[in-house]
Amino acid sequence: MVIANYIEEVRERIHRGEFTSEAAVSQGILLPTLQVLGWPVFNTRIVNPEFSIGGRRVDYALCHPASRPAVFVEVKKVGQSDGADRQLFEYAFHEGVPMAILTDGQEWSFYLPGEQGRYEERRVYKLDLLERNIDEAVNRLERYLQYDKVCSGEALKSARSDYQNVARIREIEAVLPKAWDVLLKEPDSLLLELLAEKTEDLCGYKPDLDMCSRFLTNSIKYSAAVPSMPAFQPSAQQPKIIAHEQYRQVPRNRTVDNFSFVFEGKTYKANSTREVVGKIIQLLADADTGFLDRFVARKHGKKRRYIAQEKMDL
């Protein structure tokens, strides 16, 4: 039977509520799944039921070589797998088994007991047959549980690789807020440039980097007290923003394959953002012969300089 067809059948039977006990899950879901994944389910030295561990028993030990557990499987009634991972971890730790699976037929949790972290952090993947699509279910079952891959060590290698990816993402998610906090407290010049340029894009006036730095510092002070970003209130000591009021703000429209802008009621087309900037500067210079000299004299950021008398200064 093709595994995808079998999983579809299992999903339908779970919906109908056919599996009412652990035994029903074992015989109706687990063993047939192992069989379609290539396991010799009738060889009890390979698929060993009620495997004994110091007076206790794990539901199934999947062995390679024969009688040597490579995977422990604990089976629960549908909907009753919560909290059973601790017992499974104890079994696996005692025997030094590298992979463990907890399933109630619908949910399959794949663990690496020997890795670091809390129980849930050592779970490589949780597969819900009713929530995941068929292709994903097939991929995960074959990746971690196909007989040939378990025997060759490929399944364990894949599980460890996936665990490292999960652990890496977890670490990144934990550190991202700290990194953002550091950037706000000690803002990098590039962050300040981006904030200044975006402000200029939105209102036509560009603040200096000191003002941007003060804004970020103030936002940290207020963030703990209010949920949203506080309004920035310039103080009397803060420098004025230099504004050229005689020029109207230039609206810009962009589509996928062209650029355009409107100046003094007339639409101009361009092939790139660079060409847009060049045309705008040229129009402003044509309208005011002193514009270029004043623009060059203004304080510029560290990353971009659009106008200079010498090419090497750009």
C-alpha atoms as a PDB file:
ATOM      1  CA  MET A   1       0.000   0.000   0.000  1.00  0.00           C
ATOM      2  CA  VAL A   2       1.346   3.456  -0.885  1.00  0.00           C
ATOM      3  CA  ILE A   3       1.974   5.375   2.329  1.00  0.00           C
ATOM      4  CA  ALA A   4       0.039   8.463   1.181  1.00  0.00           C
ATOM      5  CA  ASN A   5      -3.064   6.359   0.561  1.00  0.00           C
ATOM      6  CA  TYR A   6      -2.651   4.691   3.930  1.00  0.00           C
ATOM      7  CA  ILE A   7      -2.356   8.026   5.776  1.00  0.00           C
ATOM      8  CA  GLU A   8      -5.510   9.264   4.070  1.00  0.00           C
ATOM      9  CA  GLU A   9      -7.313   6.137   5.245  1.00  0.00           C
ATOM     10  CA  VAL A  10      -6.047   6.614   8.817  1.00  0.00           C
ATOM     11  CA  ARG A  11      -7.247  10.216   8.831  1.00  0.00           C
ATOM     12  CA  GLU A  12     -10.723   9.142   7.830  1.00  0.00           C
ATOM     13  CA  ARG A  13     -10.812   6.449  10.510  1.00  0.00           C
ATOM     14  CA  ILE A  14      -9.628   8.890  13.184  1.00  0.00           C
ATOM     15  CA  HIS A  15     -12.427  11.251  12.164  1.00  0.00           C
ATOM     16  CA  ARG A  16     -14.879   8.384  12.602  1.00  0.00           C
ATOM     17  CA  GLY A  17     -13.547   7.701  16.114  1.00  0.00           C
ATOM     18  CA  GLU A  18     -12.550   4.093  15.445  1.00  0.00           C
ATOM     19  CA  PHE A  19      -9.499   4.043  17.733  1.00  0.00           C
ATOM     20  CA  THR A  20     -10.801   3.920  21.292  1.00  0.00           C
ATOM     21  CA  SER A  21      -7.841   2.399  23.144  1.00  0.00           C
ATOM     22  CA  GLU A  22      -4.062   2.140  23.140  1.00  0.00           C
ATOM     23  CA  ALA A  23      -4.313  -1.352  21.710  1.00  0.00           C
ATOM     24  CA  ALA A  24      -6.466  -0.060  18.857  1.00  0.00           C
ATOM     25  CA  VAL A  25      -3.907   2.658  18.109  1.00  0.00           C
ATOM     26  CA  SER A  26      -1.055   0.124  18.197  1.00  0.00           C
ATOM     27  CA  GLN A  27      -2.699  -2.441  15.961  1.00  0.00           C
ATOM     28  CA  GLY A  28      -4.704  -0.110  13.744  1.00  0.00           C
ATOM     29  CA  ILE A  29      -2.242   2.747  13.206  1.00  0.00           C
ATOM     30  CA  LEU A  30       1.295   2.170  14.485  1.00  0.00           C
ATOM     31  CA  LEU A  31       2.032  -1.325  13.200  1.00  0.00           C
ATOM     32  CA  PRO A  32       0.501  -0.760   9.739  1.00  0.00           C
ATOM     33  CA  THR A  33       2.456   2.514   9.496  1.00  0.00           C
ATOM     34  CA  LEU A  34       5.687   0.730  10.369  1.00  0.00           C
ATOM     35  CA  GLN A  35       4.893  -1.930   7.800  1.00  0.00           C
ATOM     36  CA  VAL A  36       4.391   0.535   4.941  1.00  0.00           C
ATOM     37  CA  LEU A  37       7.661   2.169   6.016  1.00  0.00           C
ATOM     38  CA  GLY A  38       9.445  -1.125   5.450  1.00  0.00           C
ATOM     39  CA  TRP A  39       9.684  -2.508   8.977  1.00  0.00           C
ATOM     40  CA  PRO A  40       9.376  -6.325   9.366  1.00  0.00           C
ATOM     41  CA  VAL A  41       6.584  -6.009  11.929  1.00  0.00           C
ATOM     42  CA  PHE A  42       6.272  -9.773  12.417  1.00  0.00           C
ATOM     43  CA  ASN A  43       9.923 -10.125  13.422  1.00  0.00           C
ATOM     44  CA  THR A  44       9.821  -9.481  17.169  1.00  0.00           C
ATOM     45  CA  ARG A  45      13.595  -9.138  17.326  1.00  0.00           C
ATOM     46  CA  ILE A  46      13.249  -6.069  15.083  1.00  0.00           C
ATOM     47  CA  VAL A  47       9.861  -4.691  16.162  1.00  0.00           C
ATOM     48  CA  ASN A  48       9.940  -5.718  19.799  1.00  0.00           C
ATOM     49  CA  PRO A  49       6.666  -5.172  21.728  1.00  0.00           C
ATOM     50  CA  GLU A  50       6.576  -4.642  25.493  1.00  0.00           C
ATOM     51  CA  PHE A  51      10.329  -4.153  25.654  1.00  0.00           C
ATOM     52  CA  SER A  52      11.513  -4.719  29.226  1.00  0.00           C
ATOM     53  CA  ILE A  53      13.595  -2.044  30.992  1.00  0.00           C
ATOM     54  CA  GLY A  54      14.504  -2.774  34.600  1.00  0.00           C
ATOM     55  CA  GLY A  55      11.084  -4.023  35.604  1.00  0.00           C
ATOM     56  CA  ARG A  56       9.211  -1.527  33.398  1.00  0.00           C
ATOM     57  CA  ARG A  57       8.158  -1.793  29.793  1.00  0.00           C
ATOM     58  CA  VAL A  58       8.169   0.480  26.763  1.00  0.00           C
ATOM     59  CA  ASP A  59       5.448  -0.247  24.223  1.00  0.00           C
ATOM     60  CA  TYR A  60       7.778  -0.889  21.273  1.00  0.00           C
ATOM     61  CA  ALA A  61      11.497  -1.011  20.679  1.00  0.00           C
ATOM     62  CA  LEU A  62      12.478  -0.704  17.023  1.00  0.00           C
ATOM     63  CA  CYS A  63      15.778  -2.501  16.798  1.00  0.00           C
ATOM     64  CA  HIS A  64      18.849  -2.434  14.595  1.00  0.00           C
ATOM     65  CA  PRO A  65      20.705  -4.681  14.746  1.00  0.00           C
ATOM     66  CA  ALA A  66      18.241  -7.287  16.011  1.00  0.00           C
ATOM     67  CA  SER A  67      17.353  -6.956  19.711  1.00  0.00           C
ATOM     68  CA  ARG A  68      19.299  -3.684  20.026  1.00  0.00           C
ATOM     69  CA  PRO A  69      16.899  -0.714  20.346  1.00  0.00           C
ATOM     70  CA  ALA A  70      17.432   2.191  17.971  1.00  0.00           C
ATOM     71  CA  VAL A  71      14.039   3.846  18.525  1.00  0.00           C
ATOM     72  CA  PHE A  72      11.572   3.653  21.416  1.00  0.00           C
ATOM     73  CA  VAL A  73       7.876   4.136  20.671  1.00  0.00           C
ATOM     74  CA  GLU A  74       5.285   4.852  23.352  1.00  0.00           C
ATOM     75  CA  VAL A  75       1.627   4.568  22.346  1.00  0.00           C
ATOM     76  CA  LYS A  76      -1.309   6.359  23.954  1.00  0.00           C
ATOM     77  CA  LYS A  77      -5.019   6.529  23.332  1.00  0.00           C
ATOM     78  CA  VAL A  78      -6.064   9.207  20.843  1.00  0.00           C
ATOM     79  CA  GLY A  79      -6.013  12.582  22.588  1.00  0.00           C
ATOM     80  CA  GLN A  80      -4.203  11.350  25.699  1.00  0.00           C
ATOM     81  CA  SER A  81      -0.517  11.736  24.867  1.00  0.00           C
ATOM     82  CA  ASP A  82       0.071  14.882  26.944  1.00  0.00           C
ATOM     83  CA  GLY A  83       2.451  14.348  29.840  1.00  0.00           C
ATOM     84  CA  ALA A  84       3.725  10.970  28.659  1.00  0.00           C
ATOM     85  CA  ASP A  85       7.014  12.327  27.351  1.00  0.00           C
ATOM     86  CA  ARG A  86       8.748  12.199  30.748  1.00  0.00           C
ATOM     87  CA  GLN A  87       8.229   8.457  31.081  1.00  0.00           C
ATOM     88  CA  LEU A  88       9.459   7.928  27.527  1.00  0.00           C
ATOM     89  CA  PHE A  89      12.567  10.021  28.195  1.00  0.00           C
ATOM     90  CA  GLU A  90      13.377   7.968  31.269  1.00  0.00           C
ATOM     91  CA  TYR A  91      13.170   4.771  29.221  1.00  0.00           C
ATOM     92  CA  ALA A  92      15.372   6.146  26.456  1.00  0.00           C
ATOM     93  CA  PHE A  93      17.916   7.672  28.835  1.00  0.00           C
ATOM     94  CA  HIS A  94      18.260   4.445  30.821  1.00  0.00           C
ATOM     95  CA  GLU A  95      18.949   2.414  27.672  1.00  0.00           C
ATOM     96  CA  GLY A  96      20.914   5.037  25.727  1.00  0.00           C
ATOM     97  CA  VAL A  97      18.416   4.980  22.847  1.00  0.00           C
ATOM     98  CA  PRO A  98      19.029   8.033  20.601  1.00  0.00           C
ATOM     99  CA  MET A  99      15.487   8.532  19.260  1.00  0.00           C
ATOM    100  CA  ALA A 100      12.067   8.274  20.874  1.00  0.00           C
ATOM    101  CA  ILE A 101       8.561   8.630  19.467  1.00  0.00           C
ATOM    102  CA  LEU A 102       5.364   9.383  21.364  1.00  0.00           C
ATOM    103  CA  THR A 103       2.138   8.872  19.435  1.00  0.00           C
ATOM    104  CA  ASP A 104      -1.583   8.629  19.997  1.00  0.00           C
ATOM    105  CA  GLY A 105      -2.108   7.773  16.342  1.00  0.00           C
ATOM    106  CA  GLN A 106      -3.095  11.293  15.371  1.00  0.00           C
ATOM    107  CA  GLU A 107      -0.103  13.156  16.825  1.00  0.00           C
ATOM    108  CA  TRP A 108       3.464  11.913  16.414  1.00  0.00           C
ATOM    109  CA  SER A 109       6.205  13.593  18.457  1.00  0.00           C
ATOM    110  CA  PHE A 110       9.796  12.789  17.487  1.00  0.00           C
ATOM    111  CA  TYR A 111      12.393  13.331  20.227  1.00  0.00           C
ATOM    112  CA  LEU A 112      16.149  13.218  20.651  1.00  0.00           C
ATOM    113  CA  PRO A 113      16.443  12.398  24.385  1.00  0.00           C
ATOM    114  CA  GLY A 114      20.213  12.858  24.464  1.00  0.00           C
ATOM    115  CA  GLU A 115      20.143  16.508  23.380  1.00  0.00           C
ATOM    116  CA  GLN A 116      20.010  19.529  25.671  1.00  0.00           C
ATOM    117  CA  GLY A 117      16.973  21.394  26.942  1.00  0.00           C
ATOM    118  CA  ARG A 118      13.600  20.705  28.486  1.00  0.00           C
ATOM    119  CA  TYR A 119      11.526  17.799  27.223  1.00  0.00           C
ATOM    120  CA  GLU A 120       9.607  19.923  24.747  1.00  0.00           C
ATOM    121  CA  GLU A 121      12.836  21.531  23.526  1.00  0.00           C
ATOM    122  CA  ARG A 122      14.226  18.132  22.623  1.00  0.00           C
ATOM    123  CA  ARG A 123      11.272  17.441  20.370  1.00  0.00           C
ATOM    124  CA  VAL A 124      12.478  17.590  16.794  1.00  0.00           C
ATOM    125  CA  TYR A 125       9.046  17.681  15.213  1.00  0.00           C
ATOM    126  CA  LYS A 126       5.374  17.234  16.060  1.00  0.00           C
ATOM    127  CA  LEU A 127       3.275  15.749  13.286  1.00  0.00           C
ATOM    128  CA  ASP A 128      -0.519  15.975  13.473  1.00  0.00           C
ATOM    129  CA  LEU A 129      -2.016  13.758  10.788  1.00  0.00           C
ATOM    130  CA  LEU A 130      -5.249  15.758  10.771  1.00  0.00           C
ATOM    131  CA  GLU A 131      -3.582  19.174  10.599  1.00  0.00           C
ATOM    132  CA  ARG A 132      -0.672  18.572   8.223  1.00  0.00           C
ATOM    133  CA  ASN A 133      -1.158  17.899   4.544  1.00  0.00           C
ATOM    134  CA  ILE A 134      -0.517  14.414   3.199  1.00  0.00           C
ATOM    135  CA  ASP A 135       2.801  15.285   1.547  1.00  0.00           C
ATOM    136  CA  GLU A 136       4.209  16.742   4.759  1.00  0.00           C
ATOM    137  CA  ALA A 137       3.074  13.718   6.768  1.00  0.00           C
ATOM    138  CA  VAL A 138       4.687  11.341   4.271  1.00  0.00           C
ATOM    139  CA  ASN A 139       7.907  13.358   4.241  1.00  0.00           C
ATOM    140  CA  ARG A 140       8.274  13.393   8.035  1.00  0.00           C
ATOM    141  CA  LEU A 141       7.412   9.737   8.584  1.00  0.00           C
ATOM    142  CA  GLU A 142       9.836   8.639   5.888  1.00  0.00           C
ATOM    143  CA  ARG A 143      12.518  11.069   7.084  1.00  0.00           C
ATOM    144  CA  TYR A 144      12.542   9.859  10.692  1.00  0.00           C
ATOM    145  CA  LEU A 145      11.029   6.383  10.640  1.00  0.00           C
ATOM    146  CA  GLN A 146      11.642   4.589   7.351  1.00  0.00           C
ATOM    147  CA  TYR A 147      13.300   1.252   8.100  1.00  0.00           C
ATOM    148  CA  ASP A 148      16.211   1.587   5.660  1.00  0.00           C
ATOM    149  CA  LYS A 149      16.995   5.107   6.910  1.00  0.00           C
ATOM    150  CA  VAL A 150      16.955   4.025  10.554  1.00  0.00           C
ATOM    151  CA  CYS A 151      19.282   1.114   9.757  1.00  0.00           C
ATOM    152  CA  SER A 152      21.734   3.295   7.819  1.00  0.00           C
ATOM    153  CA  GLY A 153      21.747   6.055  10.433  1.00  0.00           C
ATOM    154  CA  GLU A 154      20.313   8.573   7.957  1.00  0.00           C
ATOM    155  CA  ALA A 155      17.124   9.013  10.001  1.00  0.00           C
ATOM    156  CA  LEU A 156      19.057   9.908  13.149  1.00  0.00           C
ATOM    157  CA  LYS A 157      21.336  12.234  11.194  1.00  0.00           C
ATOM    158  CA  SER A 158      18.316  14.023   9.693  1.00  0.00           C
ATOM    159  CA  ALA A 159      16.663  14.327  13.094  1.00  0.00           C
ATOM    160  CA  ARG A 160      19.806  15.833  14.612  1.00  0.00           C
ATOM    161  CA  SER A 161      20.123  18.285  11.732  1.00  0.00           C
ATOM    162  CA  ASP A 162      16.503  19.352  12.167  1.00  0.00           C
ATOM    163  CA  TYR A 163      17.008  19.661  15.923  1.00  0.00           C
ATOM    164  CA  GLN A 164      19.972  21.981  15.376  1.00  0.00           C
ATOM    165  CA  ASN A 165      17.860  24.134  13.061  1.00  0.00           C
ATOM    166  CA  VAL A 166      15.066  24.310  15.639  1.00  0.00           C
ATOM    167  CA  ALA A 167      17.555  25.130  18.396  1.00  0.00           C
ATOM    168  CA  ARG A 168      19.181  27.807  16.235  1.00  0.00           C
ATOM    169  CA  ILE A 169      15.830  29.442  15.481  1.00  0.00           C
ATOM    170  CA  ARG A 170      14.904  29.309  19.183  1.00  0.00           C
ATOM    171  CA  GLU A 171      18.186  31.004  20.092  1.00  0.00           C
ATOM    172  CA  ILE A 172      17.730  33.681  17.428  1.00  0.00           C
ATOM    173  CA  GLU A 173      14.187  34.410  18.613  1.00  0.00           C
ATOM    174  CA  ALA A 174      15.466  34.755  22.173  1.00  0.00           C
ATOM    175  CA  VAL A 175      18.308  37.115  21.230  1.00  0.00           C
ATOM    176  CA  LEU A 176      16.524  39.307  18.648  1.00  0.00           C
ATOM    177  CA  PRO A 177      14.812  41.515  21.281  1.00  0.00           C
ATOM    178  CA  LYS A 178      18.167  41.986  23.040  1.00  0.00           C
ATOM    179  CA  ALA A 179      19.854  42.928  19.771  1.00  0.00           C
ATOM    180  CA  TRP A 180      17.098  45.432  18.998  1.00  0.00           C
ATOM    181  CA  ASP A 181      17.417  46.892  22.493  1.00  0.00           C
ATOM    182  CA  VAL A 182      21.168  47.345  22.008  1.00  0.00           C
ATOM    183  CA  LEU A 183      20.603  49.035  18.638  1.00  0.00           C
ATOM    184  CA  LEU A 184      18.164  51.473  20.237  1.00  0.00           C
ATOM    185  CA  LYS A 185      20.405  52.225  23.202  1.00  0.00           C
ATOM    186  CA  GLU A 186      23.595  52.494  21.144  1.00  0.00           C
ATOM    187  CA  PRO A 187      22.290  53.260  17.647  1.00  0.00           C
ATOM    188  CA  ASP A 188      24.563  52.454  14.737  1.00  0.00           C
ATOM    189  CA  SER A 189      25.141  55.233  12.219  1.00  0.00           C
ATOM    190  CA  LEU A 190      23.469  53.154   9.498  1.00  0.00           C
ATOM    191  CA  LEU A 191      20.288  52.841  11.583  1.00  0.00           C
ATOM    192  CA  LEU A 192      20.298  56.593  12.162  1.00  0.00           C
ATOM    193  CA  GLU A 193      20.816  57.222   8.437  1.00  0.00           C
ATOM    194  CA  LEU A 194      17.890  54.957   7.571  1.00  0.00           C
ATOM    195  CA  LEU A 195      15.638  56.718  10.080  1.00  0.00           C
ATOM    196  CA  ALA A 196      16.678  60.145   8.813  1.00  0.00           C
ATOM    197  CA  GLU A 197      16.170  59.224   5.163  1.00  0.00           C
ATOM    198  CA  LYS A 198      12.774  57.624   5.812  1.00  0.00           C
ATOM    199  CA  THR A 199      11.699  60.758   7.693  1.00  0.00           C
ATOM    200  CA  GLU A 200      12.770  62.841   4.705  1.00  0.00           C
ATOM    201  CA  ASP A 201      10.872  60.522   2.350  1.00  0.00           C
ATOM    202  CA  LEU A 202       7.673  60.986   4.359  1.00  0.00           C
ATOM    203  CA  CYS A 203       7.752  64.711   5.094  1.00  0.00           C
ATOM    204  CA  GLY A 204      10.367  66.245   2.808  1.00  0.00           C
ATOM    205  CA  TYR A 205      12.637  67.377   5.662  1.00  0.00           C
ATOM    206  CA  LYS A 206      15.689  65.466   6.844  1.00  0.00           C
ATOM    207  CA  PRO A 207      16.609  65.544  10.550  1.00  0.00           C
ATOM    208  CA  ASP A 208      20.253  65.402  11.558  1.00  0.00           C
ATOM    209  CA  LEU A 209      21.669  62.245  13.125  1.00  0.00           C
ATOM    210  CA  ASP A 210      21.764  63.727  16.637  1.00  0.00           C
ATOM    211  CA  MET A 211      18.019  64.319  16.511  1.00  0.00           C
ATOM    212  CA  CYS A 212      17.430  60.748  15.314  1.00  0.00           C
ATOM    213  CA  SER A 213      19.595  59.445  18.150  1.00  0.00           C
ATOM    214  CA  ARG A 214      17.620  61.434  20.724  1.00  0.00           C
ATOM    215  CA  PHE A 215      14.369  60.126  19.286  1.00  0.00           C
ATOM    216  CA  LEU A 216      15.494  56.516  19.674  1.00  0.00           C
ATOM    217  CA  THR A 217      16.700  57.199  23.209  1.00  0.00           C
ATOM    218  CA  ASN A 218      13.366  58.789  24.128  1.00  0.00           C
ATOM    219  CA  SER A 219      11.466  55.872  22.602  1.00  0.00           C
ATOM    220  CA  ILE A 220      13.249  53.472  24.980  1.00  0.00           C
ATOM    221  CA  LYS A 221      12.305  55.590  28.005  1.00  0.00           C
ATOM    222  CA  TYR A 222       8.635  55.605  27.043  1.00  0.00           C
ATOM    223  CA  SER A 223       8.271  52.058  25.686  1.00  0.00           C
ATOM    224  CA  ALA A 224       7.924  50.477  29.136  1.00  0.00           C
ATOM    225  CA  ALA A 225       5.083  52.822  30.070  1.00  0.00           C
ATOM    226  CA  VAL A 226       3.062  52.966  26.862  1.00  0.00           C
ATOM    227  CA  PRO A 227       2.387  50.277  24.247  1.00  0.00           C
ATOM    228  CA  SER A 228       2.939  52.486  21.215  1.00  0.00           C
ATOM    229  CA  MET A 229       5.858  54.623  20.047  1.00  0.00           C
ATOM    230  CA  PRO A 230       5.765  58.029  21.805  1.00  0.00           C
ATOM    231  CA  ALA A 231       5.509  61.189  19.791  1.00  0.00           C
ATOM    232  CA  PHE A 232       8.852  62.925  19.455  1.00  0.00           C
ATOM    233  CA  GLN A 233       8.844  66.375  21.048  1.00  0.00           C
ATOM    234  CA  PRO A 234      11.833  68.553  20.045  1.00  0.00           C
ATOM    235  CA  SER A 235      13.279  70.561  22.934  1.00  0.00           C
ATOM    236  CA  ALA A 236      14.342  74.186  22.770  1.00  0.00           C
ATOM    237  CA  GLN A 237      17.985  73.116  22.801  1.00  0.00           C
ATOM    238  CA  GLN A 238      17.633  70.859  19.768  1.00  0.00           C
ATOM    239  CA  PRO A 239      18.836  72.263  16.442  1.00  0.00           C
ATOM    240  CA  LYS A 240      16.360  73.410  13.867  1.00  0.00           C
ATOM    241  CA  ILE A 241      15.658  71.292  10.819  1.00  0.00           C
ATOM    242  CA  ILE A 242      16.723  73.100   7.676  1.00  0.00           C
ATOM    243  CA  ALA A 243      13.722  73.251   5.350  1.00  0.00           C
ATOM    244  CA  HIS A 244      13.445  74.670   1.835  1.00  0.00           C
ATOM    245  CA  GLU A 245       9.869  75.899   2.031  1.00  0.00           C
ATOM    246  CA  GLN A 246       9.918  77.336  -1.469  1.00  0.00           C
ATOM    247  CA  TYR A 247       9.881  73.805  -2.888  1.00  0.00           C
ATOM    248  CA  ARG A 248       6.853  71.604  -2.644  1.00  0.00           C
ATOM    249  CA  GLN A 249       7.216  67.979  -1.559  1.00  0.00           C
ATOM    250  CA  VAL A 250       7.679  65.701  -4.543  1.00  0.00           C
ATOM    251  CA  PRO A 251       5.197  62.801  -4.600  1.00  0.00           C
ATOM    252  CA  ARG A 252       6.515  59.620  -6.232  1.00  0.00           C
ATOM    253  CA  ASN A 253       4.653  56.760  -7.800  1.00  0.00           C
ATOM    254  CA  ARG A 254       6.232  53.425  -8.671  1.00  0.00           C
ATOM    255  CA  THR A 255       4.994  50.411 -10.537  1.00  0.00           C
ATOM    256  CA  VAL A 256       6.755  47.154 -11.201  1.00  0.00           C
ATOM    257  CA  ASP A 257       8.482  48.277 -14.378  1.00  0.00           C
ATOM    258  CA  ASN A 258       8.639  52.091 -14.336  1.00  0.00           C
ATOM    259  CA  PHE A 259       9.115  55.119 -12.124  1.00  0.00           C
ATOM    260  CA  SER A 260       7.457  58.520 -12.248  1.00  0.00           C
ATOM    261  CA  PHE A 261       7.132  61.673 -10.180  1.00  0.00           C
ATOM    262  CA  VAL A 262       5.174  64.920 -10.354  1.00  0.00           C
ATOM    263  CA  PHE A 263       6.887  68.311 -10.166  1.00  0.00           C
ATOM    264  CA  GLU A 264       4.970  71.578 -10.430  1.00  0.00           C
ATOM    265  CA  GLY A 265       1.955  69.702 -11.786  1.00  0.00           C
ATOM    266  CA  LYS A 266       3.858  67.900 -14.531  1.00  0.00           C
ATOM    267  CA  THR A 267       4.574  64.150 -14.578  1.00  0.00           C
ATOM    268  CA  TYR A 268       8.082  62.973 -15.387  1.00  0.00           C
ATOM    269  CA  LYS A 269       9.010  59.363 -16.160  1.00  0.00           C
ATOM    270  CA  ALA A 270      12.263  57.595 -15.337  1.00  0.00           C
ATOM    271  CA  ASN A 271      13.782  54.153 -15.721  1.00  0.00           C
ATOM    272  CA  SER A 272      15.304  53.863 -12.248  1.00  0.00           C
ATOM    273  CA  THR A 273      15.380  55.488  -8.831  1.00  0.00           C
ATOM    274  CA  ARG A 274      18.800  56.897  -9.677  1.00  0.00           C
ATOM    275  CA  GLU A 275      17.322  58.631 -12.715  1.00  0.00           C
ATOM    276  CA  VAL A 276      14.466  59.968 -10.574  1.00  0.00           C
ATOM    277  CA  VAL A 277      16.933  61.577  -8.161  1.00  0.00           C
ATOM    278  CA  GLY A 278      18.972  63.022 -11.024  1.00  0.00           C
ATOM    279  CA  LYS A 279      15.963  64.567 -12.740  1.00  0.00           C
ATOM    280  CA  ILE A 280      14.606  66.041  -9.501  1.00  0.00           C
ATOM    281  CA  ILE A 281      17.944  67.664  -8.702  1.00  0.00           C
ATOM    282  CA  GLN A 282      18.182  69.024 -12.248  1.00  0.00           C
ATOM    283  CA  LEU A 283      14.647  70.483 -12.067  1.00  0.00           C
ATOM    284  CA  LEU A 284      15.370  72.149  -8.735  1.00  0.00           C
ATOM    285  CA  ALA A 285      18.632  73.548 -10.083  1.00  0.00           C
ATOM    286  CA  ASP A 286      16.880  74.918 -13.173  1.00  0.00           C
ATOM    287  CA  ALA A 287      14.259  76.587 -10.976  1.00  0.00           C
ATOM    288  CA  ASP A 288      16.828  78.140  -8.627  1.00  0.00           C
ATOM    289  CA  THR A 289      20.377  78.834  -9.778  1.00  0.00           C
ATOM    290  CA  GLY A 290      21.624  78.891  -6.170  1.00  0.00           C
ATOM    291  CA  PHE A 291      20.106  75.542  -5.210  1.00  0.00           C
ATOM    292  CA  LEU A 292      23.136  73.372  -5.956  1.00  0.00           C
ATOM    293  CA  ASP A 293      25.508  75.562  -3.957  1.00  0.00           C
ATOM    294  CA  ARG A 294      23.181  75.543  -0.936  1.00  0.00           C
ATOM    295  CA  PHE A 295      22.610  71.795  -1.194  1.00  0.00           C
ATOM    296  CA  VAL A 296      26.321  70.999  -1.327  1.00  0.00           C
ATOM    297  CA  ALA A 297      26.909  73.206   1.714  1.00  0.00           C
ATOM    298  CA  ARG A 298      24.345  71.314   3.813  1.00  0.00           C
ATOM    299  CA  LYS A 299      25.397  68.638   6.313  1.00  0.00           C
ATOM    300  CA  HIS A 300      25.159  65.204   4.678  1.00  0.00           C
ATOM    301  CA  GLY A 301      24.999  61.719   6.113  1.00  0.00           C
ATOM    302  CA  LYS A 302      27.954  59.359   6.223  1.00  0.00           C
ATOM    303  CA  LYS A 303      26.548  56.875   3.700  1.00  0.00           C
ATOM    304  CA  ARG A 304      25.113  58.944   0.837  1.00  0.00           C
ATOM    305  CA  ARG A 305      26.076  62.206  -0.896  1.00  0.00           C
ATOM    306  CA  TYR A 306      24.175  63.026  -4.064  1.00  0.00           C
ATOM    307  CA  ILE A 307      25.955  66.225  -5.154  1.00  0.00           C
ATOM    308  CA  ALA A 308      29.597  67.252  -4.993  1.00  0.00           C
ATOM    309  CA  GLN A 309      31.997  69.308  -7.065  1.00  0.00           C
ATOM    310  CA  GLU A 310      34.405  66.369  -7.256  1.00  0.00           C
ATOM    311  CA  LYS A 311      33.411  62.816  -8.226  1.00  0.00           C
ATOM    312  CA  MET A 312      35.582  61.321  -5.498  1.00  0.00           C
ATOM    313  CA  ASP A 313      33.486  63.141  -2.866  1.00  0.00           C
ATOM    314  CA  LEU A 314      30.312  61.285  -3.850  1.00  0.00           C
END
